[in-house]
Amino acid sequence: TEKEGYRVAPVIQGGELIDGLAGGMC
């Protein structure tokens, strides 16, 4: 979450690259 310090960045969802919170954790 934002409270934990994460920012919005690209994530893979449904085979598509979109912006999402905590992108990079994968």
mmCIF file of all heavy atoms, coordinates in Angstrom:
data_MODEL
# 
_entry.id   MODEL 
# 
loop_
_atom_site.group_PDB 
_atom_site.id 
_atom_site.type_symbol 
_atom_site.label_atom_id 
_atom_site.label_alt_id 
_atom_site.label_comp_id 
_atom_site.label_asym_id 
_atom_site.label_entity_id 
_atom_site.label_seq_id 
_atom_site.pdbx_PDB_ins_code 
_atom_site.Cartn_x 
_atom_site.Cartn_y 
_atom_site.Cartn_z 
_atom_site.occupancy 
_atom_site.B_iso_or_equiv 
_atom_site.pdbx_formal_charge 
_atom_site.auth_seq_id 
_atom_site.auth_comp_id 
_atom_site.auth_asym_id 
_atom_site.auth_atom_id 
_atom_site.pdbx_PDB_model_num 
ATOM 1   N N   . THR A 1 1  ? 0.832  -1.199  0.000   1.00 0.00 ? 1  THR A N   1 
ATOM 2   C CA  . THR A 1 1  ? 0.000  0.000   0.000   1.00 0.00 ? 1  THR A CA  1 
ATOM 3   C C   . THR A 1 1  ? 0.869  1.251   0.000   1.00 0.00 ? 1  THR A C   1 
ATOM 4   O O   . THR A 1 1  ? 2.082  1.198   0.235   1.00 0.00 ? 1  THR A O   1 
ATOM 5   C CB  . THR A 1 1  ? -0.915 0.027   1.234   1.00 0.00 ? 1  THR A CB  1 
ATOM 6   O OG1 . THR A 1 1  ? -0.091 0.099   2.419   1.00 0.00 ? 1  THR A OG1 1 
ATOM 7   C CG2 . THR A 1 1  ? -1.773 -1.235  1.309   1.00 0.00 ? 1  THR A CG2 1 
ATOM 8   N N   . GLU A 1 2  ? 0.234  2.394   -0.243  1.00 0.00 ? 2  GLU A N   1 
ATOM 9   C CA  . GLU A 1 2  ? 0.955  3.664   -0.174  1.00 0.00 ? 2  GLU A CA  1 
ATOM 10  C C   . GLU A 1 2  ? 1.469  3.914   1.243   1.00 0.00 ? 2  GLU A C   1 
ATOM 11  O O   . GLU A 1 2  ? 2.544  4.502   1.428   1.00 0.00 ? 2  GLU A O   1 
ATOM 12  C CB  . GLU A 1 2  ? 0.032  4.799   -0.609  1.00 0.00 ? 2  GLU A CB  1 
ATOM 13  C CG  . GLU A 1 2  ? -0.260 4.830   -2.103  1.00 0.00 ? 2  GLU A CG  1 
ATOM 14  C CD  . GLU A 1 2  ? -1.136 6.007   -2.488  1.00 0.00 ? 2  GLU A CD  1 
ATOM 15  O OE1 . GLU A 1 2  ? -2.324 6.005   -2.122  1.00 0.00 ? 2  GLU A OE1 1 
ATOM 16  O OE2 . GLU A 1 2  ? -0.610 6.928   -3.150  1.00 0.00 ? 2  GLU A OE2 1 
ATOM 17  N N   . LYS A 1 3  ? 0.707  3.479   2.237   1.00 0.00 ? 3  LYS A N   1 
ATOM 18  C CA  . LYS A 1 3  ? 1.129  3.646   3.627   1.00 0.00 ? 3  LYS A CA  1 
ATOM 19  C C   . LYS A 1 3  ? 2.448  2.948   3.890   1.00 0.00 ? 3  LYS A C   1 
ATOM 20  O O   . LYS A 1 3  ? 3.258  3.395   4.704   1.00 0.00 ? 3  LYS A O   1 
ATOM 21  C CB  . LYS A 1 3  ? 0.038  3.101   4.563   1.00 0.00 ? 3  LYS A CB  1 
ATOM 22  C CG  . LYS A 1 3  ? 0.353  3.275   6.041   1.00 0.00 ? 3  LYS A CG  1 
ATOM 23  C CD  . LYS A 1 3  ? -0.788 2.741   6.898   1.00 0.00 ? 3  LYS A CD  1 
ATOM 24  C CE  . LYS A 1 3  ? -0.447 2.853   8.387   1.00 0.00 ? 3  LYS A CE  1 
ATOM 25  N NZ  . LYS A 1 3  ? -1.530 2.317   9.245   1.00 0.00 ? 3  LYS A NZ  1 
ATOM 26  N N   . GLU A 1 4  ? 2.678  1.819   3.189   1.00 0.00 ? 4  GLU A N   1 
ATOM 27  C CA  . GLU A 1 4  ? 3.920  1.073   3.357   1.00 0.00 ? 4  GLU A CA  1 
ATOM 28  C C   . GLU A 1 4  ? 5.051  1.642   2.497   1.00 0.00 ? 4  GLU A C   1 
ATOM 29  O O   . GLU A 1 4  ? 6.166  1.119   2.512   1.00 0.00 ? 4  GLU A O   1 
ATOM 30  C CB  . GLU A 1 4  ? 3.699  -0.400  2.994   1.00 0.00 ? 4  GLU A CB  1 
ATOM 31  C CG  . GLU A 1 4  ? 2.748  -1.128  3.930   1.00 0.00 ? 4  GLU A CG  1 
ATOM 32  C CD  . GLU A 1 4  ? 3.283  -1.226  5.346   1.00 0.00 ? 4  GLU A CD  1 
ATOM 33  O OE1 . GLU A 1 4  ? 4.505  -1.373  5.500   1.00 0.00 ? 4  GLU A OE1 1 
ATOM 34  O OE2 . GLU A 1 4  ? 2.483  -1.140  6.293   1.00 0.00 ? 4  GLU A OE2 1 
ATOM 35  N N   . GLY A 1 5  ? 4.761  2.694   1.729   1.00 0.00 ? 5  GLY A N   1 
ATOM 36  C CA  . GLY A 1 5  ? 5.812  3.368   0.968   1.00 0.00 ? 5  GLY A CA  1 
ATOM 37  C C   . GLY A 1 5  ? 5.876  3.037   -0.505  1.00 0.00 ? 5  GLY A C   1 
ATOM 38  O O   . GLY A 1 5  ? 6.775  3.501   -1.209  1.00 0.00 ? 5  GLY A O   1 
ATOM 39  N N   . TYR A 1 6  ? 4.925  2.245   -1.021  1.00 0.00 ? 6  TYR A N   1 
ATOM 40  C CA  . TYR A 1 6  ? 4.989  1.842   -2.422  1.00 0.00 ? 6  TYR A CA  1 
ATOM 41  C C   . TYR A 1 6  ? 4.437  2.936   -3.342  1.00 0.00 ? 6  TYR A C   1 
ATOM 42  O O   . TYR A 1 6  ? 3.582  3.728   -2.958  1.00 0.00 ? 6  TYR A O   1 
ATOM 43  C CB  . TYR A 1 6  ? 4.210  0.543   -2.636  1.00 0.00 ? 6  TYR A CB  1 
ATOM 44  C CG  . TYR A 1 6  ? 4.829  -0.640  -1.929  1.00 0.00 ? 6  TYR A CG  1 
ATOM 45  C CD1 . TYR A 1 6  ? 4.307  -1.100  -0.720  1.00 0.00 ? 6  TYR A CD1 1 
ATOM 46  C CD2 . TYR A 1 6  ? 5.937  -1.294  -2.468  1.00 0.00 ? 6  TYR A CD2 1 
ATOM 47  C CE1 . TYR A 1 6  ? 4.877  -2.174  -0.063  1.00 0.00 ? 6  TYR A CE1 1 
ATOM 48  C CE2 . TYR A 1 6  ? 6.505  -2.381  -1.816  1.00 0.00 ? 6  TYR A CE2 1 
ATOM 49  C CZ  . TYR A 1 6  ? 5.976  -2.817  -0.606  1.00 0.00 ? 6  TYR A CZ  1 
ATOM 50  O OH  . TYR A 1 6  ? 6.539  -3.880  0.040   1.00 0.00 ? 6  TYR A OH  1 
ATOM 51  N N   . ARG A 1 7  ? 4.914  2.912   -4.586  1.00 0.00 ? 7  ARG A N   1 
ATOM 52  C CA  . ARG A 1 7  ? 4.501  3.888   -5.589  1.00 0.00 ? 7  ARG A CA  1 
ATOM 53  C C   . ARG A 1 7  ? 3.875  3.176   -6.797  1.00 0.00 ? 7  ARG A C   1 
ATOM 54  O O   . ARG A 1 7  ? 3.983  1.962   -6.938  1.00 0.00 ? 7  ARG A O   1 
ATOM 55  C CB  . ARG A 1 7  ? 5.710  4.711   -6.046  1.00 0.00 ? 7  ARG A CB  1 
ATOM 56  C CG  . ARG A 1 7  ? 6.372  5.507   -4.929  1.00 0.00 ? 7  ARG A CG  1 
ATOM 57  C CD  . ARG A 1 7  ? 7.606  6.224   -5.430  1.00 0.00 ? 7  ARG A CD  1 
ATOM 58  N NE  . ARG A 1 7  ? 8.262  7.001   -4.370  1.00 0.00 ? 7  ARG A NE  1 
ATOM 59  C CZ  . ARG A 1 7  ? 9.406  7.659   -4.528  1.00 0.00 ? 7  ARG A CZ  1 
ATOM 60  N NH1 . ARG A 1 7  ? 10.019 7.649   -5.714  1.00 0.00 ? 7  ARG A NH1 1 
ATOM 61  N NH2 . ARG A 1 7  ? 9.940  8.337   -3.522  1.00 0.00 ? 7  ARG A NH2 1 
ATOM 62  N N   . VAL A 1 8  ? 3.239  3.957   -7.654  1.00 0.00 ? 8  VAL A N   1 
ATOM 63  C CA  . VAL A 1 8  ? 2.619  3.413   -8.869  1.00 0.00 ? 8  VAL A CA  1 
ATOM 64  C C   . VAL A 1 8  ? 3.699  3.207   -9.926  1.00 0.00 ? 8  VAL A C   1 
ATOM 65  O O   . VAL A 1 8  ? 4.508  4.098   -10.190 1.00 0.00 ? 8  VAL A O   1 
ATOM 66  C CB  . VAL A 1 8  ? 1.525  4.360   -9.392  1.00 0.00 ? 8  VAL A CB  1 
ATOM 67  C CG1 . VAL A 1 8  ? 1.010  3.886   -10.747 1.00 0.00 ? 8  VAL A CG1 1 
ATOM 68  C CG2 . VAL A 1 8  ? 0.382  4.450   -8.384  1.00 0.00 ? 8  VAL A CG2 1 
ATOM 69  N N   . ALA A 1 9  ? 3.698  2.008   -10.531 1.00 0.00 ? 9  ALA A N   1 
ATOM 70  C CA  . ALA A 1 9  ? 4.681  1.658   -11.564 1.00 0.00 ? 9  ALA A CA  1 
ATOM 71  C C   . ALA A 1 9  ? 4.080  0.547   -12.421 1.00 0.00 ? 9  ALA A C   1 
ATOM 72  O O   . ALA A 1 9  ? 3.087  -0.076  -12.032 1.00 0.00 ? 9  ALA A O   1 
ATOM 73  C CB  . ALA A 1 9  ? 5.991  1.212   -10.924 1.00 0.00 ? 9  ALA A CB  1 
ATOM 74  N N   . PRO A 1 10 ? 4.668  0.249   -13.586 1.00 0.00 ? 10 PRO A N   1 
ATOM 75  C CA  . PRO A 1 10 ? 4.091  -0.767  -14.476 1.00 0.00 ? 10 PRO A CA  1 
ATOM 76  C C   . PRO A 1 10 ? 4.029  -2.154  -13.843 1.00 0.00 ? 10 PRO A C   1 
ATOM 77  O O   . PRO A 1 10 ? 4.961  -2.591  -13.174 1.00 0.00 ? 10 PRO A O   1 
ATOM 78  C CB  . PRO A 1 10 ? 5.048  -0.759  -15.676 1.00 0.00 ? 10 PRO A CB  1 
ATOM 79  C CG  . PRO A 1 10 ? 5.649  0.605   -15.672 1.00 0.00 ? 10 PRO A CG  1 
ATOM 80  C CD  . PRO A 1 10 ? 5.785  0.961   -14.224 1.00 0.00 ? 10 PRO A CD  1 
ATOM 81  N N   . VAL A 1 11 ? 2.885  -2.848  -14.073 1.00 0.00 ? 11 VAL A N   1 
ATOM 82  C CA  . VAL A 1 11 ? 2.689  -4.226  -13.639 1.00 0.00 ? 11 VAL A CA  1 
ATOM 83  C C   . VAL A 1 11 ? 2.054  -5.004  -14.793 1.00 0.00 ? 11 VAL A C   1 
ATOM 84  O O   . VAL A 1 11 ? 1.425  -4.424  -15.672 1.00 0.00 ? 11 VAL A O   1 
ATOM 85  C CB  . VAL A 1 11 ? 1.789  -4.331  -12.381 1.00 0.00 ? 11 VAL A CB  1 
ATOM 86  C CG1 . VAL A 1 11 ? 2.409  -3.619  -11.203 1.00 0.00 ? 11 VAL A CG1 1 
ATOM 87  C CG2 . VAL A 1 11 ? 0.393  -3.758  -12.669 1.00 0.00 ? 11 VAL A CG2 1 
ATOM 88  N N   . ILE A 1 12 ? 2.225  -6.338  -14.775 1.00 0.00 ? 12 ILE A N   1 
ATOM 89  C CA  . ILE A 1 12 ? 1.595  -7.189  -15.777 1.00 0.00 ? 12 ILE A CA  1 
ATOM 90  C C   . ILE A 1 12 ? 0.277  -7.691  -15.221 1.00 0.00 ? 12 ILE A C   1 
ATOM 91  O O   . ILE A 1 12 ? 0.231  -8.277  -14.135 1.00 0.00 ? 12 ILE A O   1 
ATOM 92  C CB  . ILE A 1 12 ? 2.501  -8.384  -16.136 1.00 0.00 ? 12 ILE A CB  1 
ATOM 93  C CG1 . ILE A 1 12 ? 3.796  -7.894  -16.785 1.00 0.00 ? 12 ILE A CG1 1 
ATOM 94  C CG2 . ILE A 1 12 ? 1.779  -9.342  -17.074 1.00 0.00 ? 12 ILE A CG2 1 
ATOM 95  C CD1 . ILE A 1 12 ? 4.790  -8.998  -17.073 1.00 0.00 ? 12 ILE A CD1 1 
ATOM 96  N N   . GLN A 1 13 ? -0.791 -7.458  -15.969 1.00 0.00 ? 13 GLN A N   1 
ATOM 97  C CA  . GLN A 1 13 ? -2.112 -7.928  -15.549 1.00 0.00 ? 13 GLN A CA  1 
ATOM 98  C C   . GLN A 1 13 ? -2.885 -8.380  -16.779 1.00 0.00 ? 13 GLN A C   1 
ATOM 99  O O   . GLN A 1 13 ? -3.085 -7.614  -17.716 1.00 0.00 ? 13 GLN A O   1 
ATOM 100 C CB  . GLN A 1 13 ? -2.874 -6.810  -14.823 1.00 0.00 ? 13 GLN A CB  1 
ATOM 101 C CG  . GLN A 1 13 ? -4.245 -7.246  -14.322 1.00 0.00 ? 13 GLN A CG  1 
ATOM 102 C CD  . GLN A 1 13 ? -4.914 -6.161  -13.496 1.00 0.00 ? 13 GLN A CD  1 
ATOM 103 O OE1 . GLN A 1 13 ? -4.279 -5.518  -12.661 1.00 0.00 ? 13 GLN A OE1 1 
ATOM 104 N NE2 . GLN A 1 13 ? -6.183 -5.943  -13.732 1.00 0.00 ? 13 GLN A NE2 1 
ATOM 105 N N   . GLY A 1 14 ? -3.311 -9.643  -16.765 1.00 0.00 ? 14 GLY A N   1 
ATOM 106 C CA  . GLY A 1 14 ? -4.064 -10.186 -17.885 1.00 0.00 ? 14 GLY A CA  1 
ATOM 107 C C   . GLY A 1 14 ? -3.292 -10.137 -19.189 1.00 0.00 ? 14 GLY A C   1 
ATOM 108 O O   . GLY A 1 14 ? -3.876 -9.916  -20.248 1.00 0.00 ? 14 GLY A O   1 
ATOM 109 N N   . GLY A 1 15 ? -1.975 -10.331 -19.124 1.00 0.00 ? 15 GLY A N   1 
ATOM 110 C CA  . GLY A 1 15 ? -1.151 -10.312 -20.317 1.00 0.00 ? 15 GLY A CA  1 
ATOM 111 C C   . GLY A 1 15 ? -0.827 -8.927  -20.835 1.00 0.00 ? 15 GLY A C   1 
ATOM 112 O O   . GLY A 1 15 ? -0.223 -8.768  -21.889 1.00 0.00 ? 15 GLY A O   1 
ATOM 113 N N   . GLU A 1 16 ? -1.196 -7.892  -20.075 1.00 0.00 ? 16 GLU A N   1 
ATOM 114 C CA  . GLU A 1 16 ? -0.997 -6.517  -20.530 1.00 0.00 ? 16 GLU A CA  1 
ATOM 115 C C   . GLU A 1 16 ? -0.210 -5.739  -19.497 1.00 0.00 ? 16 GLU A C   1 
ATOM 116 O O   . GLU A 1 16 ? -0.348 -5.957  -18.288 1.00 0.00 ? 16 GLU A O   1 
ATOM 117 C CB  . GLU A 1 16 ? -2.362 -5.862  -20.762 1.00 0.00 ? 16 GLU A CB  1 
ATOM 118 C CG  . GLU A 1 16 ? -2.293 -4.494  -21.404 1.00 0.00 ? 16 GLU A CG  1 
ATOM 119 C CD  . GLU A 1 16 ? -3.669 -3.950  -21.732 1.00 0.00 ? 16 GLU A CD  1 
ATOM 120 O OE1 . GLU A 1 16 ? -4.651 -4.714  -21.614 1.00 0.00 ? 16 GLU A OE1 1 
ATOM 121 O OE2 . GLU A 1 16 ? -3.761 -2.776  -22.113 1.00 0.00 ? 16 GLU A OE2 1 
ATOM 122 N N   . LEU A 1 17 ? 0.625  -4.839  -19.963 1.00 0.00 ? 17 LEU A N   1 
ATOM 123 C CA  . LEU A 1 17 ? 1.418  -3.996  -19.073 1.00 0.00 ? 17 LEU A CA  1 
ATOM 124 C C   . LEU A 1 17 ? 0.629  -2.734  -18.759 1.00 0.00 ? 17 LEU A C   1 
ATOM 125 O O   . LEU A 1 17 ? 0.305  -1.956  -19.661 1.00 0.00 ? 17 LEU A O   1 
ATOM 126 C CB  . LEU A 1 17 ? 2.746  -3.637  -19.740 1.00 0.00 ? 17 LEU A CB  1 
ATOM 127 C CG  . LEU A 1 17 ? 3.875  -3.133  -18.824 1.00 0.00 ? 17 LEU A CG  1 
ATOM 128 C CD1 . LEU A 1 17 ? 4.276  -4.198  -17.827 1.00 0.00 ? 17 LEU A CD1 1 
ATOM 129 C CD2 . LEU A 1 17 ? 5.078  -2.708  -19.656 1.00 0.00 ? 17 LEU A CD2 1 
ATOM 130 N N   . ILE A 1 18 ? 0.288  -2.541  -17.473 1.00 0.00 ? 18 ILE A N   1 
ATOM 131 C CA  . ILE A 1 18 ? -0.494 -1.378  -17.050 1.00 0.00 ? 18 ILE A CA  1 
ATOM 132 C C   . ILE A 1 18 ? 0.162  -0.772  -15.814 1.00 0.00 ? 18 ILE A C   1 
ATOM 133 O O   . ILE A 1 18 ? 1.051  -1.376  -15.209 1.00 0.00 ? 18 ILE A O   1 
ATOM 134 C CB  . ILE A 1 18 ? -1.954 -1.762  -16.725 1.00 0.00 ? 18 ILE A CB  1 
ATOM 135 C CG1 . ILE A 1 18 ? -1.995 -2.730  -15.527 1.00 0.00 ? 18 ILE A CG1 1 
ATOM 136 C CG2 . ILE A 1 18 ? -2.644 -2.372  -17.940 1.00 0.00 ? 18 ILE A CG2 1 
ATOM 137 C CD1 . ILE A 1 18 ? -3.397 -3.017  -15.029 1.00 0.00 ? 18 ILE A CD1 1 
ATOM 138 N N   . ASP A 1 19 ? -0.288 0.415   -15.448 1.00 0.00 ? 19 ASP A N   1 
ATOM 139 C CA  . ASP A 1 19 ? 0.198  1.047   -14.217 1.00 0.00 ? 19 ASP A CA  1 
ATOM 140 C C   . ASP A 1 19 ? -0.560 0.490   -13.021 1.00 0.00 ? 19 ASP A C   1 
ATOM 141 O O   . ASP A 1 19 ? -1.792 0.340   -13.068 1.00 0.00 ? 19 ASP A O   1 
ATOM 142 C CB  . ASP A 1 19 ? 0.024  2.564   -14.273 1.00 0.00 ? 19 ASP A CB  1 
ATOM 143 C CG  . ASP A 1 19 ? 1.053  3.234   -15.166 1.00 0.00 ? 19 ASP A CG  1 
ATOM 144 O OD1 . ASP A 1 19 ? 2.090  2.605   -15.422 1.00 0.00 ? 19 ASP A OD1 1 
ATOM 145 O OD2 . ASP A 1 19 ? 0.804  4.371   -15.609 1.00 0.00 ? 19 ASP A OD2 1 
ATOM 146 N N   . GLY A 1 20 ? 0.170  0.180   -11.955 1.00 0.00 ? 20 GLY A N   1 
ATOM 147 C CA  . GLY A 1 20 ? -0.453 -0.336  -10.742 1.00 0.00 ? 20 GLY A CA  1 
ATOM 148 C C   . GLY A 1 20 ? 0.416  -0.043  -9.532  1.00 0.00 ? 20 GLY A C   1 
ATOM 149 O O   . GLY A 1 20 ? 1.624  0.191   -9.659  1.00 0.00 ? 20 GLY A O   1 
ATOM 150 N N   . LEU A 1 21 ? -0.190 -0.044  -8.373  1.00 0.00 ? 21 LEU A N   1 
ATOM 151 C CA  . LEU A 1 21 ? 0.550  0.229   -7.138  1.00 0.00 ? 21 LEU A CA  1 
ATOM 152 C C   . LEU A 1 21 ? 1.529  -0.903  -6.855  1.00 0.00 ? 21 LEU A C   1 
ATOM 153 O O   . LEU A 1 21 ? 1.195  -2.077  -6.998  1.00 0.00 ? 21 LEU A O   1 
ATOM 154 C CB  . LEU A 1 21 ? -0.426 0.385   -5.970  1.00 0.00 ? 21 LEU A CB  1 
ATOM 155 C CG  . LEU A 1 21 ? 0.153  0.915   -4.656  1.00 0.00 ? 21 LEU A CG  1 
ATOM 156 C CD1 . LEU A 1 21 ? 0.748  2.304   -4.839  1.00 0.00 ? 21 LEU A CD1 1 
ATOM 157 C CD2 . LEU A 1 21 ? -0.928 0.953   -3.577  1.00 0.00 ? 21 LEU A CD2 1 
ATOM 158 N N   . ALA A 1 22 ? 2.755  -0.558  -6.472  1.00 0.00 ? 22 ALA A N   1 
ATOM 159 C CA  . ALA A 1 22 ? 3.806  -1.516  -6.096  1.00 0.00 ? 22 ALA A CA  1 
ATOM 160 C C   . ALA A 1 22 ? 4.330  -2.307  -7.292  1.00 0.00 ? 22 ALA A C   1 
ATOM 161 O O   . ALA A 1 22 ? 4.771  -3.446  -7.137  1.00 0.00 ? 22 ALA A O   1 
ATOM 162 C CB  . ALA A 1 22 ? 3.328  -2.458  -5.000  1.00 0.00 ? 22 ALA A CB  1 
ATOM 163 N N   . GLY A 1 23 ? 4.283  -1.713  -8.483  1.00 0.00 ? 23 GLY A N   1 
ATOM 164 C CA  . GLY A 1 23 ? 4.885  -2.371  -9.633  1.00 0.00 ? 23 GLY A CA  1 
ATOM 165 C C   . GLY A 1 23 ? 6.353  -2.665  -9.375  1.00 0.00 ? 23 GLY A C   1 
ATOM 166 O O   . GLY A 1 23 ? 7.099  -1.815  -8.903  1.00 0.00 ? 23 GLY A O   1 
ATOM 167 N N   . GLY A 1 24 ? 6.784  -3.874  -9.707  1.00 0.00 ? 24 GLY A N   1 
ATOM 168 C CA  . GLY A 1 24 ? 8.167  -4.294  -9.458  1.00 0.00 ? 24 GLY A CA  1 
ATOM 169 C C   . GLY A 1 24 ? 8.288  -5.403  -8.441  1.00 0.00 ? 24 GLY A C   1 
ATOM 170 O O   . GLY A 1 24 ? 9.321  -6.074  -8.349  1.00 0.00 ? 24 GLY A O   1 
ATOM 171 N N   . MET A 1 25 ? 7.222  -5.635  -7.659  1.00 0.00 ? 25 MET A N   1 
ATOM 172 C CA  . MET A 1 25 ? 7.307  -6.659  -6.610  1.00 0.00 ? 25 MET A CA  1 
ATOM 173 C C   . MET A 1 25 ? 7.433  -8.062  -7.204  1.00 0.00 ? 25 MET A C   1 
ATOM 174 O O   . MET A 1 25 ? 7.973  -8.961  -6.569  1.00 0.00 ? 25 MET A O   1 
ATOM 175 C CB  . MET A 1 25 ? 6.088  -6.567  -5.697  1.00 0.00 ? 25 MET A CB  1 
ATOM 176 C CG  . MET A 1 25 ? 6.084  -5.340  -4.818  1.00 0.00 ? 25 MET A CG  1 
ATOM 177 S SD  . MET A 1 25 ? 7.587  -5.177  -3.829  1.00 0.00 ? 25 MET A SD  1 
ATOM 178 C CE  . MET A 1 25 ? 7.395  -6.592  -2.750  1.00 0.00 ? 25 MET A CE  1 
ATOM 179 N N   . CYS A 1 26 ? 6.930  -8.258  -8.422  1.00 0.00 ? 26 CYS A N   1 
ATOM 180 C CA  . CYS A 1 26 ? 7.079  -9.575  -9.052  1.00 0.00 ? 26 CYS A CA  1 
ATOM 181 C C   . CYS A 1 26 ? 8.545  -9.867  -9.357  1.00 0.00 ? 26 CYS A C   1 
ATOM 182 O O   . CYS A 1 26 ? 8.965  -11.027 -9.351  1.00 0.00 ? 26 CYS A O   1 
ATOM 183 C CB  . CYS A 1 26 ? 6.238  -9.661  -10.319 1.00 0.00 ? 26 CYS A CB  1 
ATOM 184 S SG  . CYS A 1 26 ? 4.461  -9.770  -9.994  1.00 0.00 ? 26 CYS A SG  1 
# 
